Amino acid sequence: MIQWRICTDSRVSESRILVRTRADSDTAEARANDTRSRDQALASGAQFISTDYPEPNRLFSPYCVRFEGAIVARMNPVNEVALQGVDLEKRQSNL
């Protein structure tokens, strides 16, 4: 059973669980080019960040959500410092 709940406790990212968060909703952030929620999501340590804007919609603004290096998933940056910025898709294909 998967249980979903909103958690604002940064200690969650320090544990050995997968963390998913959302960076935007209902186009509000993109239309206003408001990056506060996105920046909090990126700083949270979440391995997955859901967004409607992996690429900017130039009709609204330059707003988009990407991990550093344009990777699509990352190791927990709190616990896995040695793998920060590693493209996990390419790393997996090389194993």
C-alpha atoms as a PDB file:
ATOM      1  CA  MET A   1       0.000   0.000   0.000  1.00  0.00           C
ATOM      2  CA  ILE A   2       1.316   3.425  -0.927  1.00  0.00           C
ATOM      3  CA  GLN A   3       0.433   6.252   1.370  1.00  0.00           C
ATOM      4  CA  TRP A   4       0.686   9.807   0.070  1.00  0.00           C
ATOM      5  CA  ARG A   5       0.991  12.759   2.369  1.00  0.00           C
ATOM      6  CA  ILE A   6       2.453  16.208   2.311  1.00  0.00           C
ATOM      7  CA  CYS A   7       5.542  16.589   4.433  1.00  0.00           C
ATOM      8  CA  THR A   8       7.553  19.741   4.989  1.00  0.00           C
ATOM      9  CA  ASP A   9      10.091  18.145   7.321  1.00  0.00           C
ATOM     10  CA  SER A  10      13.521  18.260   5.630  1.00  0.00           C
ATOM     11  CA  ARG A  11      14.643  15.270   7.709  1.00  0.00           C
ATOM     12  CA  VAL A  12      12.625  13.027   5.373  1.00  0.00           C
ATOM     13  CA  SER A  13      15.269  13.517   2.668  1.00  0.00           C
ATOM     14  CA  GLU A  14      17.910  12.362   5.137  1.00  0.00           C
ATOM     15  CA  SER A  15      16.220   8.972   5.539  1.00  0.00           C
ATOM     16  CA  ARG A  16      16.466   6.048   3.133  1.00  0.00           C
ATOM     17  CA  ILE A  17      13.103   6.565   1.439  1.00  0.00           C
ATOM     18  CA  LEU A  18      12.232   7.866  -2.008  1.00  0.00           C
ATOM     19  CA  VAL A  19      10.931  11.403  -2.001  1.00  0.00           C
ATOM     20  CA  ARG A  20       8.678  12.826  -4.708  1.00  0.00           C
ATOM     21  CA  THR A  21       7.357  16.356  -4.721  1.00  0.00           C
ATOM     22  CA  ARG A  22       5.610  18.701  -7.111  1.00  0.00           C
ATOM     23  CA  ALA A  23       7.102  21.963  -8.353  1.00  0.00           C
ATOM     24  CA  ASP A  24       4.031  23.593  -9.864  1.00  0.00           C
ATOM     25  CA  SER A  25       0.298  23.235 -10.403  1.00  0.00           C
ATOM     26  CA  ASP A  26      -2.445  24.621 -12.601  1.00  0.00           C
ATOM     27  CA  THR A  27       0.039  26.650 -14.686  1.00  0.00           C
ATOM     28  CA  ALA A  28       0.090  29.335 -11.964  1.00  0.00           C
ATOM     29  CA  GLU A  29       3.857  29.275 -11.424  1.00  0.00           C
ATOM     30  CA  ALA A  30       4.658  29.156 -15.137  1.00  0.00           C
ATOM     31  CA  ARG A  31       2.351  32.031 -16.027  1.00  0.00           C
ATOM     32  CA  ALA A  32       3.878  34.209 -13.303  1.00  0.00           C
ATOM     33  CA  ASN A  33       7.428  32.863 -13.781  1.00  0.00           C
ATOM     34  CA  ASP A  34       7.320  32.215 -10.024  1.00  0.00           C
ATOM     35  CA  THR A  35      10.225  29.903  -9.180  1.00  0.00           C
ATOM     36  CA  ARG A  36       9.785  29.777  -5.389  1.00  0.00           C
ATOM     37  CA  SER A  37       7.996  26.412  -5.299  1.00  0.00           C
ATOM     38  CA  ARG A  38      10.369  24.969  -7.899  1.00  0.00           C
ATOM     39  CA  ASP A  39      13.415  26.137  -5.961  1.00  0.00           C
ATOM     40  CA  GLN A  40      12.040  24.624  -2.741  1.00  0.00           C
ATOM     41  CA  ALA A  41      11.377  21.341  -4.538  1.00  0.00           C
ATOM     42  CA  LEU A  42      14.917  21.235  -5.942  1.00  0.00           C
ATOM     43  CA  ALA A  43      16.416  22.066  -2.535  1.00  0.00           C
ATOM     44  CA  SER A  44      14.278  19.472  -0.747  1.00  0.00           C
ATOM     45  CA  GLY A  45      16.451  16.512  -1.715  1.00  0.00           C
ATOM     46  CA  ALA A  46      13.595  14.821  -3.563  1.00  0.00           C
ATOM     47  CA  GLN A  47      14.702  12.272  -6.135  1.00  0.00           C
ATOM     48  CA  PHE A  48      11.607  12.907  -8.289  1.00  0.00           C
ATOM     49  CA  ILE A  49      10.023  16.280  -8.960  1.00  0.00           C
ATOM     50  CA  SER A  50       6.778  16.333 -10.903  1.00  0.00           C
ATOM     51  CA  THR A  51       6.124  19.257 -13.202  1.00  0.00           C
ATOM     52  CA  ASP A  52       4.074  20.255 -16.202  1.00  0.00           C
ATOM     53  CA  TYR A  53       7.078  22.229 -17.464  1.00  0.00           C
ATOM     54  CA  PRO A  54      10.219  20.164 -18.121  1.00  0.00           C
ATOM     55  CA  GLU A  55      10.553  22.586 -21.040  1.00  0.00           C
ATOM     56  CA  PRO A  56       9.417  26.202 -20.912  1.00  0.00           C
ATOM     57  CA  ASN A  57       6.199  27.259 -22.588  1.00  0.00           C
ATOM     58  CA  ARG A  58       7.328  30.490 -24.216  1.00  0.00           C
ATOM     59  CA  LEU A  59       3.704  31.680 -24.435  1.00  0.00           C
ATOM     60  CA  PHE A  60       3.815  32.068 -20.638  1.00  0.00           C
ATOM     61  CA  SER A  61       7.402  32.620 -19.510  1.00  0.00           C
ATOM     62  CA  PRO A  62      10.841  30.970 -19.392  1.00  0.00           C
ATOM     63  CA  TYR A  63       9.716  28.917 -16.345  1.00  0.00           C
ATOM     64  CA  CYS A  64      10.821  25.279 -16.435  1.00  0.00           C
ATOM     65  CA  VAL A  65      11.878  22.617 -13.953  1.00  0.00           C
ATOM     66  CA  ARG A  66      15.099  20.643 -14.435  1.00  0.00           C
ATOM     67  CA  PHE A  67      17.709  19.046 -12.277  1.00  0.00           C
ATOM     68  CA  GLU A  68      21.224  20.406 -12.727  1.00  0.00           C
ATOM     69  CA  GLY A  69      22.723  19.019 -15.917  1.00  0.00           C
ATOM     70  CA  ALA A  70      19.236  18.350 -17.366  1.00  0.00           C
ATOM     71  CA  ILE A  71      19.152  14.857 -15.822  1.00  0.00           C
ATOM     72  CA  VAL A  72      15.702  13.336 -15.284  1.00  0.00           C
ATOM     73  CA  ALA A  73      16.276  11.683 -11.888  1.00  0.00           C
ATOM     74  CA  ARG A  74      18.898  11.947  -9.194  1.00  0.00           C
ATOM     75  CA  MET A  75      20.205  10.200  -6.130  1.00  0.00           C
ATOM     76  CA  ASN A  76      19.296  11.753  -2.810  1.00  0.00           C
ATOM     77  CA  PRO A  77      21.704  14.713  -2.674  1.00  0.00           C
ATOM     78  CA  VAL A  78      21.716  14.584   1.124  1.00  0.00           C
ATOM     79  CA  ASN A  79      22.874  10.952   1.425  1.00  0.00           C
ATOM     80  CA  GLU A  80      24.572  10.234  -1.899  1.00  0.00           C
ATOM     81  CA  VAL A  81      27.019  13.102  -2.272  1.00  0.00           C
ATOM     82  CA  ALA A  82      29.395  11.035  -4.438  1.00  0.00           C
ATOM     83  CA  LEU A  83      26.696  10.599  -7.104  1.00  0.00           C
ATOM     84  CA  GLN A  84      25.453  14.193  -7.247  1.00  0.00           C
ATOM     85  CA  GLY A  85      24.958  15.296 -10.832  1.00  0.00           C
ATOM     86  CA  VAL A  86      25.427  11.775 -12.243  1.00  0.00           C
ATOM     87  CA  ASP A  87      23.023  10.948 -15.094  1.00  0.00           C
ATOM     88  CA  LEU A  88      21.388   7.834 -13.643  1.00  0.00           C
ATOM     89  CA  GLU A  89      19.986   6.747 -17.012  1.00  0.00           C
ATOM     90  CA  LYS A  90      23.443   6.664 -18.596  1.00  0.00           C
ATOM     91  CA  ARG A  91      25.010   5.143 -15.479  1.00  0.00           C
ATOM     92  CA  GLN A  92      22.441   2.314 -15.511  1.00  0.00           C
ATOM     93  CA  SER A  93      23.110   1.531 -19.177  1.00  0.00           C
ATOM     94  CA  ASN A  94      26.846   1.290 -18.463  1.00  0.00           C
ATOM     95  CA  LEU A  95      26.431  -1.302 -15.692  1.00  0.00           C
END
